[in-house]
Amino acid sequence: TFSLILSATTLGYADDSKHTAIFVVGQSSYIQ
């Protein structure tokens, strides 16, 4: 039962120890 506030957006691609994620308002899915 957690969630978090986000007030910003930017995507980049780094090494395998780091990830990228996109969350869109109103959607119950995200992209990692």
PDB file of all heavy atoms in Angstrom:
ATOM      1  N   THR A   1       0.787  -1.231   0.000  1.00  0.00           N
ATOM      2  CA  THR A   1       0.000   0.000   0.000  1.00  0.00           C
ATOM      3  C   THR A   1       0.818   1.280   0.000  1.00  0.00           C
ATOM      4  O   THR A   1       0.748   2.044   0.947  1.00  0.00           O
ATOM      5  CB  THR A   1      -0.992   0.060   1.179  1.00  0.00           C
ATOM      6  OG1 THR A   1      -0.317   0.264   2.375  1.00  0.00           O
ATOM      7  CG2 THR A   1      -1.878  -1.153   1.237  1.00  0.00           C
ATOM      8  N   PHE A   2       1.549   1.481  -1.008  1.00  0.00           N
ATOM      9  CA  PHE A   2       2.291   2.730  -1.121  1.00  0.00           C
ATOM     10  C   PHE A   2       2.072   3.391  -2.480  1.00  0.00           C
ATOM     11  O   PHE A   2       1.805   2.743  -3.448  1.00  0.00           O
ATOM     12  CB  PHE A   2       3.797   2.481  -0.990  1.00  0.00           C
ATOM     13  CG  PHE A   2       4.228   2.184   0.381  1.00  0.00           C
ATOM     14  CD1 PHE A   2       4.791   0.978   0.687  1.00  0.00           C
ATOM     15  CD2 PHE A   2       4.070   3.119   1.376  1.00  0.00           C
ATOM     16  CE1 PHE A   2       5.193   0.717   1.946  1.00  0.00           C
ATOM     17  CE2 PHE A   2       4.492   2.842   2.642  1.00  0.00           C
ATOM     18  CZ  PHE A   2       5.051   1.642   2.935  1.00  0.00           C
ATOM     19  N   SER A   3       2.324   4.654  -2.524  1.00  0.00           N
ATOM     20  CA  SER A   3       2.373   5.400  -3.773  1.00  0.00           C
ATOM     21  C   SER A   3       3.178   6.647  -3.524  1.00  0.00           C
ATOM     22  O   SER A   3       3.459   6.953  -2.404  1.00  0.00           O
ATOM     23  CB  SER A   3       0.983   5.785  -4.243  1.00  0.00           C
ATOM     24  OG  SER A   3       0.179   4.656  -4.421  1.00  0.00           O
ATOM     25  N   LEU A   4       3.540   7.374  -4.607  1.00  0.00           N
ATOM     26  CA  LEU A   4       4.261   8.587  -4.364  1.00  0.00           C
ATOM     27  C   LEU A   4       3.997   9.691  -5.338  1.00  0.00           C
ATOM     28  O   LEU A   4       3.592   9.457  -6.441  1.00  0.00           O
ATOM     29  CB  LEU A   4       5.756   8.423  -4.351  1.00  0.00           C
ATOM     30  CG  LEU A   4       6.573   7.488  -5.046  1.00  0.00           C
ATOM     31  CD1 LEU A   4       7.693   8.275  -5.694  1.00  0.00           C
ATOM     32  CD2 LEU A   4       7.121   6.577  -4.054  1.00  0.00           C
ATOM     33  N   ILE A   5       4.235  10.900  -4.773  1.00  0.00           N
ATOM     34  CA  ILE A   5       3.975  12.093  -5.556  1.00  0.00           C
ATOM     35  C   ILE A   5       5.149  12.350  -6.471  1.00  0.00           C
ATOM     36  O   ILE A   5       6.240  12.299  -6.042  1.00  0.00           O
ATOM     37  CB  ILE A   5       3.839  13.318  -4.649  1.00  0.00           C
ATOM     38  CG1 ILE A   5       2.750  13.120  -3.644  1.00  0.00           C
ATOM     39  CG2 ILE A   5       3.601  14.539  -5.462  1.00  0.00           C
ATOM     40  CD1 ILE A   5       2.682  14.241  -2.668  1.00  0.00           C
ATOM     41  N   LEU A   6       4.796  12.702  -7.656  1.00  0.00           N
ATOM     42  CA  LEU A   6       5.840  13.021  -8.615  1.00  0.00           C
ATOM     43  C   LEU A   6       5.559  14.367  -9.220  1.00  0.00           C
ATOM     44  O   LEU A   6       4.471  14.610  -9.647  1.00  0.00           O
ATOM     45  CB  LEU A   6       5.784  12.011  -9.729  1.00  0.00           C
ATOM     46  CG  LEU A   6       7.025  11.275  -9.979  1.00  0.00           C
ATOM     47  CD1 LEU A   6       7.859  10.860  -8.937  1.00  0.00           C
ATOM     48  CD2 LEU A   6       6.767  10.132 -10.762  1.00  0.00           C
ATOM     49  N   SER A   7       6.544  15.201  -9.236  1.00  0.00           N
ATOM     50  CA  SER A   7       6.315  16.499  -9.867  1.00  0.00           C
ATOM     51  C   SER A   7       7.281  16.756 -10.995  1.00  0.00           C
ATOM     52  O   SER A   7       7.561  17.890 -11.317  1.00  0.00           O
ATOM     53  CB  SER A   7       6.431  17.606  -8.825  1.00  0.00           C
ATOM     54  OG  SER A   7       7.695  17.596  -8.230  1.00  0.00           O
ATOM     55  N   ALA A   8       7.809  15.699 -11.573  1.00  0.00           N
ATOM     56  CA  ALA A   8       8.727  15.954 -12.654  1.00  0.00           C
ATOM     57  C   ALA A   8       8.814  14.784 -13.605  1.00  0.00           C
ATOM     58  O   ALA A   8       8.395  13.720 -13.281  1.00  0.00           O
ATOM     59  CB  ALA A   8      10.070  16.264 -12.091  1.00  0.00           C
ATOM     60  N   THR A   9       9.461  14.873 -14.875  1.00  0.00           N
ATOM     61  CA  THR A   9       9.553  13.836 -15.896  1.00  0.00           C
ATOM     62  C   THR A   9      10.786  13.901 -16.747  1.00  0.00           C
ATOM     63  O   THR A   9      10.924  14.861 -17.406  1.00  0.00           O
ATOM     64  CB  THR A   9       8.395  13.934 -16.885  1.00  0.00           C
ATOM     65  OG1 THR A   9       7.250  13.987 -16.178  1.00  0.00           O
ATOM     66  CG2 THR A   9       8.397  12.851 -17.876  1.00  0.00           C
ATOM     67  N   THR A  10      11.552  12.869 -16.837  1.00  0.00           N
ATOM     68  CA  THR A  10      12.663  12.804 -17.784  1.00  0.00           C
ATOM     69  C   THR A  10      13.155  11.389 -17.865  1.00  0.00           C
ATOM     70  O   THR A  10      13.215  10.720 -16.892  1.00  0.00           O
ATOM     71  CB  THR A  10      13.820  13.704 -17.377  1.00  0.00           C
ATOM     72  OG1 THR A  10      13.328  14.982 -17.128  1.00  0.00           O
ATOM     73  CG2 THR A  10      14.867  13.790 -18.440  1.00  0.00           C
ATOM     74  N   LEU A  11      13.503  10.952 -19.001  1.00  0.00           N
ATOM     75  CA  LEU A  11      13.898   9.586 -19.196  1.00  0.00           C
ATOM     76  C   LEU A  11      15.283   9.520 -19.765  1.00  0.00           C
ATOM     77  O   LEU A  11      15.588  10.221 -20.684  1.00  0.00           O
ATOM     78  CB  LEU A  11      12.949   8.944 -20.190  1.00  0.00           C
ATOM     79  CG  LEU A  11      12.876   7.467 -20.157  1.00  0.00           C
ATOM     80  CD1 LEU A  11      12.994   6.753 -21.324  1.00  0.00           C
ATOM     81  CD2 LEU A  11      12.558   6.881 -18.949  1.00  0.00           C
ATOM     82  N   GLY A  12      16.110   8.584 -19.267  1.00  0.00           N
ATOM     83  CA  GLY A  12      17.430   8.409 -19.821  1.00  0.00           C
ATOM     84  C   GLY A  12      17.804   6.967 -19.729  1.00  0.00           C
ATOM     85  O   GLY A  12      17.187   6.220 -19.028  1.00  0.00           O
ATOM     86  N   TYR A  13      18.839   6.572 -20.398  1.00  0.00           N
ATOM     87  CA  TYR A  13      19.224   5.188 -20.416  1.00  0.00           C
ATOM     88  C   TYR A  13      20.641   5.051 -19.933  1.00  0.00           C
ATOM     89  O   TYR A  13      21.558   5.578 -20.525  1.00  0.00           O
ATOM     90  CB  TYR A  13      19.020   4.626 -21.820  1.00  0.00           C
ATOM     91  CG  TYR A  13      17.557   4.404 -22.062  1.00  0.00           C
ATOM     92  CD1 TYR A  13      16.704   5.470 -22.263  1.00  0.00           C
ATOM     93  CD2 TYR A  13      17.012   3.137 -22.022  1.00  0.00           C
ATOM     94  CE1 TYR A  13      15.349   5.272 -22.440  1.00  0.00           C
ATOM     95  CE2 TYR A  13      15.657   2.938 -22.209  1.00  0.00           C
ATOM     96  CZ  TYR A  13      14.842   4.006 -22.413  1.00  0.00           C
ATOM     97  OH  TYR A  13      13.494   3.809 -22.599  1.00  0.00           O
ATOM     98  N   ALA A  14      20.807   4.305 -18.797  1.00  0.00           N
ATOM     99  CA  ALA A  14      22.121   4.175 -18.196  1.00  0.00           C
ATOM    100  C   ALA A  14      22.551   2.727 -18.207  1.00  0.00           C
ATOM    101  O   ALA A  14      22.085   1.943 -19.006  1.00  0.00           O
ATOM    102  CB  ALA A  14      22.082   4.720 -16.776  1.00  0.00           C
ATOM    103  N   ASP A  15      23.464   2.336 -17.279  1.00  0.00           N
ATOM    104  CA  ASP A  15      23.931   0.968 -17.249  1.00  0.00           C
ATOM    105  C   ASP A  15      22.859   0.084 -16.647  1.00  0.00           C
ATOM    106  O   ASP A  15      21.815   0.544 -16.202  1.00  0.00           O
ATOM    107  CB  ASP A  15      25.254   0.861 -16.489  1.00  0.00           C
ATOM    108  CG  ASP A  15      25.135   1.380 -15.068  1.00  0.00           C
ATOM    109  OD1 ASP A  15      24.159   0.998 -14.385  1.00  0.00           O
ATOM    110  OD2 ASP A  15      25.994   2.172 -14.640  1.00  0.00           O
ATOM    111  N   ASP A  16      23.129  -1.259 -16.567  1.00  0.00           N
ATOM    112  CA  ASP A  16      22.106  -2.202 -16.140  1.00  0.00           C
ATOM    113  C   ASP A  16      21.736  -2.064 -14.671  1.00  0.00           C
ATOM    114  O   ASP A  16      20.748  -2.624 -14.227  1.00  0.00           O
ATOM    115  CB  ASP A  16      22.572  -3.636 -16.422  1.00  0.00           C
ATOM    116  CG  ASP A  16      22.579  -3.940 -17.915  1.00  0.00           C
ATOM    117  OD1 ASP A  16      21.904  -3.208 -18.658  1.00  0.00           O
ATOM    118  OD2 ASP A  16      23.279  -4.890 -18.322  1.00  0.00           O
ATOM    119  N   SER A  17      22.551  -1.363 -13.844  1.00  0.00           N
ATOM    120  CA  SER A  17      22.232  -1.181 -12.439  1.00  0.00           C
ATOM    121  C   SER A  17      21.231  -0.052 -12.242  1.00  0.00           C
ATOM    122  O   SER A  17      20.710   0.148 -11.162  1.00  0.00           O
ATOM    123  CB  SER A  17      23.503  -0.879 -11.636  1.00  0.00           C
ATOM    124  OG  SER A  17      24.067   0.356 -12.026  1.00  0.00           O
ATOM    125  N   LYS A  18      20.963   0.704 -13.291  1.00  0.00           N
ATOM    126  CA  LYS A  18      20.001   1.787 -13.235  1.00  0.00           C
ATOM    127  C   LYS A  18      18.867   1.509 -14.220  1.00  0.00           C
ATOM    128  O   LYS A  18      19.020   0.760 -15.168  1.00  0.00           O
ATOM    129  CB  LYS A  18      20.673   3.125 -13.569  1.00  0.00           C
ATOM    130  CG  LYS A  18      21.695   3.569 -12.534  1.00  0.00           C
ATOM    131  CD  LYS A  18      21.030   3.930 -11.205  1.00  0.00           C
ATOM    132  CE  LYS A  18      22.030   4.494 -10.227  1.00  0.00           C
ATOM    133  NZ  LYS A  18      21.398   4.876  -8.948  1.00  0.00           N
ATOM    134  N   HIS A  19      17.739   2.158 -13.983  1.00  0.00           N
ATOM    135  CA  HIS A  19      16.567   1.907 -14.807  1.00  0.00           C
ATOM    136  C   HIS A  19      15.910   3.223 -15.202  1.00  0.00           C
ATOM    137  O   HIS A  19      16.270   4.289 -14.711  1.00  0.00           O
ATOM    138  CB  HIS A  19      15.568   1.039 -14.040  1.00  0.00           C
ATOM    139  CG  HIS A  19      16.155  -0.232 -13.525  1.00  0.00           C
ATOM    140  ND1 HIS A  19      16.271  -1.373 -14.298  1.00  0.00           N
ATOM    141  CD2 HIS A  19      16.705  -0.540 -12.316  1.00  0.00           C
ATOM    142  CE1 HIS A  19      16.853  -2.331 -13.593  1.00  0.00           C
ATOM    143  NE2 HIS A  19      17.118  -1.852 -12.389  1.00  0.00           N
ATOM    144  N   THR A  20      14.960   3.120 -16.093  1.00  0.00           N
ATOM    145  CA  THR A  20      14.135   4.265 -16.445  1.00  0.00           C
ATOM    146  C   THR A  20      12.675   3.870 -16.263  1.00  0.00           C
ATOM    147  O   THR A  20      12.320   2.696 -16.404  1.00  0.00           O
ATOM    148  CB  THR A  20      14.361   4.683 -17.907  1.00  0.00           C
ATOM    149  OG1 THR A  20      13.984   3.609 -18.754  1.00  0.00           O
ATOM    150  CG2 THR A  20      15.820   5.033 -18.158  1.00  0.00           C
ATOM    151  N   ALA A  21      11.829   4.844 -15.930  1.00  0.00           N
ATOM    152  CA  ALA A  21      10.408   4.538 -15.725  1.00  0.00           C
ATOM    153  C   ALA A  21       9.558   5.722 -16.142  1.00  0.00           C
ATOM    154  O   ALA A  21       9.953   6.877 -15.969  1.00  0.00           O
ATOM    155  CB  ALA A  21      10.138   4.194 -14.260  1.00  0.00           C
ATOM    156  N   ILE A  22       8.393   5.419 -16.696  1.00  0.00           N
ATOM    157  CA  ILE A  22       7.436   6.447 -17.097  1.00  0.00           C
ATOM    158  C   ILE A  22       6.080   6.115 -16.467  1.00  0.00           C
ATOM    159  O   ILE A  22       5.571   5.000 -16.617  1.00  0.00           O
ATOM    160  CB  ILE A  22       7.278   6.510 -18.624  1.00  0.00           C
ATOM    161  CG1 ILE A  22       8.626   6.785 -19.295  1.00  0.00           C
ATOM    162  CG2 ILE A  22       6.265   7.572 -19.020  1.00  0.00           C
ATOM    163  CD1 ILE A  22       8.583   6.677 -20.808  1.00  0.00           C
ATOM    164  N   PHE A  23       5.516   7.083 -15.735  1.00  0.00           N
ATOM    165  CA  PHE A  23       4.187   6.946 -15.149  1.00  0.00           C
ATOM    166  C   PHE A  23       3.284   8.013 -15.761  1.00  0.00           C
ATOM    167  O   PHE A  23       3.669   9.184 -15.844  1.00  0.00           O
ATOM    168  CB  PHE A  23       4.233   7.138 -13.630  1.00  0.00           C
ATOM    169  CG  PHE A  23       5.037   6.098 -12.898  1.00  0.00           C
ATOM    170  CD1 PHE A  23       6.405   6.260 -12.715  1.00  0.00           C
ATOM    171  CD2 PHE A  23       4.431   4.967 -12.388  1.00  0.00           C
ATOM    172  CE1 PHE A  23       7.150   5.316 -12.040  1.00  0.00           C
ATOM    173  CE2 PHE A  23       5.172   4.005 -11.704  1.00  0.00           C
ATOM    174  CZ  PHE A  23       6.533   4.176 -11.530  1.00  0.00           C
ATOM    175  N   VAL A  24       2.092   7.634 -16.193  1.00  0.00           N
ATOM    176  CA  VAL A  24       1.166   8.567 -16.829  1.00  0.00           C
ATOM    177  C   VAL A  24      -0.086   8.717 -15.971  1.00  0.00           C
ATOM    178  O   VAL A  24      -0.656   7.722 -15.490  1.00  0.00           O
ATOM    179  CB  VAL A  24       0.780   8.078 -18.247  1.00  0.00           C
ATOM    180  CG1 VAL A  24      -0.206   9.044 -18.894  1.00  0.00           C
ATOM    181  CG2 VAL A  24       2.028   7.935 -19.104  1.00  0.00           C
ATOM    182  N   VAL A  25      -0.514   9.943 -15.769  1.00  0.00           N
ATOM    183  CA  VAL A  25      -1.687  10.239 -14.942  1.00  0.00           C
ATOM    184  C   VAL A  25      -2.912   9.480 -15.454  1.00  0.00           C
ATOM    185  O   VAL A  25      -3.185   9.455 -16.656  1.00  0.00           O
ATOM    186  CB  VAL A  25      -1.973  11.753 -14.942  1.00  0.00           C
ATOM    187  CG1 VAL A  25      -3.305  12.054 -14.263  1.00  0.00           C
ATOM    188  CG2 VAL A  25      -0.847  12.497 -14.249  1.00  0.00           C
ATOM    189  N   GLY A  26      -3.631   8.827 -14.525  1.00  0.00           N
ATOM    190  CA  GLY A  26      -4.854   8.112 -14.857  1.00  0.00           C
ATOM    191  C   GLY A  26      -4.645   6.673 -15.282  1.00  0.00           C
ATOM    192  O   GLY A  26      -5.622   5.939 -15.462  1.00  0.00           O
ATOM    193  N   GLN A  27      -3.398   6.257 -15.437  1.00  0.00           N
ATOM    194  CA  GLN A  27      -3.124   4.892 -15.891  1.00  0.00           C
ATOM    195  C   GLN A  27      -2.649   3.994 -14.743  1.00  0.00           C
ATOM    196  O   GLN A  27      -1.869   4.423 -13.899  1.00  0.00           O
ATOM    197  CB  GLN A  27      -2.082   4.893 -17.004  1.00  0.00           C
ATOM    198  CG  GLN A  27      -2.559   5.573 -18.264  1.00  0.00           C
ATOM    199  CD  GLN A  27      -1.645   5.322 -19.448  1.00  0.00           C
ATOM    200  OE1 GLN A  27      -0.699   4.544 -19.379  1.00  0.00           O
ATOM    201  NE2 GLN A  27      -1.926   5.984 -20.548  1.00  0.00           N
ATOM    202  N   SER A  28      -3.118   2.753 -14.739  1.00  0.00           N
ATOM    203  CA  SER A  28      -2.692   1.771 -13.736  1.00  0.00           C
ATOM    204  C   SER A  28      -1.636   0.850 -14.325  1.00  0.00           C
ATOM    205  O   SER A  28      -1.622  -0.351 -14.072  1.00  0.00           O
ATOM    206  CB  SER A  28      -3.891   0.966 -13.222  1.00  0.00           C
ATOM    207  OG  SER A  28      -4.563   0.340 -14.304  1.00  0.00           O
ATOM    208  N   SER A  29      -0.774   1.430 -15.120  1.00  0.00           N
ATOM    209  CA  SER A  29       0.384   0.720 -15.661  1.00  0.00           C
ATOM    210  C   SER A  29       1.504   1.731 -15.806  1.00  0.00           C
ATOM    211  O   SER A  29       1.273   2.941 -15.771  1.00  0.00           O
ATOM    212  CB  SER A  29       0.072   0.079 -17.021  1.00  0.00           C
ATOM    213  OG  SER A  29      -0.238   1.074 -17.978  1.00  0.00           O
ATOM    214  N   TYR A  30       2.725   1.231 -15.959  1.00  0.00           N
ATOM    215  CA  TYR A  30       3.872   2.108 -16.164  1.00  0.00           C
ATOM    216  C   TYR A  30       4.868   1.394 -17.062  1.00  0.00           C
ATOM    217  O   TYR A  30       4.745   0.188 -17.334  1.00  0.00           O
ATOM    218  CB  TYR A  30       4.526   2.490 -14.830  1.00  0.00           C
ATOM    219  CG  TYR A  30       5.220   1.359 -14.095  1.00  0.00           C
ATOM    220  CD1 TYR A  30       6.602   1.195 -14.143  1.00  0.00           C
ATOM    221  CD2 TYR A  30       4.488   0.447 -13.330  1.00  0.00           C
ATOM    222  CE1 TYR A  30       7.229   0.166 -13.456  1.00  0.00           C
ATOM    223  CE2 TYR A  30       5.097  -0.583 -12.642  1.00  0.00           C
ATOM    224  CZ  TYR A  30       6.473  -0.719 -12.700  1.00  0.00           C
ATOM    225  OH  TYR A  30       7.088  -1.748 -12.024  1.00  0.00           O
ATOM    226  N   ILE A  31       5.824   2.131 -17.556  1.00  0.00           N
ATOM    227  CA  ILE A  31       6.847   1.547 -18.410  1.00  0.00           C
ATOM    228  C   ILE A  31       8.182   1.589 -17.700  1.00  0.00           C
ATOM    229  O   ILE A  31       8.599   2.640 -17.202  1.00  0.00           O
ATOM    230  CB  ILE A  31       6.941   2.294 -19.754  1.00  0.00           C
ATOM    231  CG1 ILE A  31       5.647   2.081 -20.553  1.00  0.00           C
ATOM    232  CG2 ILE A  31       8.145   1.820 -20.572  1.00  0.00           C
ATOM    233  CD1 ILE A  31       5.584   2.862 -21.837  1.00  0.00           C
ATOM    234  N   GLN A  32       8.848   0.441 -17.621  1.00  0.00           N
ATOM    235  CA  GLN A  32      10.193   0.355 -17.058  1.00  0.00           C
ATOM    236  C   GLN A  32      11.112  -0.252 -18.101  1.00  0.00           C
ATOM    237  O   GLN A  32      10.867  -1.341 -18.603  1.00  0.00           O
ATOM    238  CB  GLN A  32      10.235  -0.512 -15.790  1.00  0.00           C
ATOM    239  CG  GLN A  32      11.643  -0.605 -15.188  1.00  0.00           C
ATOM    240  CD  GLN A  32      11.800  -1.782 -14.235  1.00  0.00           C
ATOM    241  OE1 GLN A  32      11.281  -2.868 -14.501  1.00  0.00           O
ATOM    242  NE2 GLN A  32      12.508  -1.570 -13.142  1.00  0.00           N
TER     243      GLN A  32
END
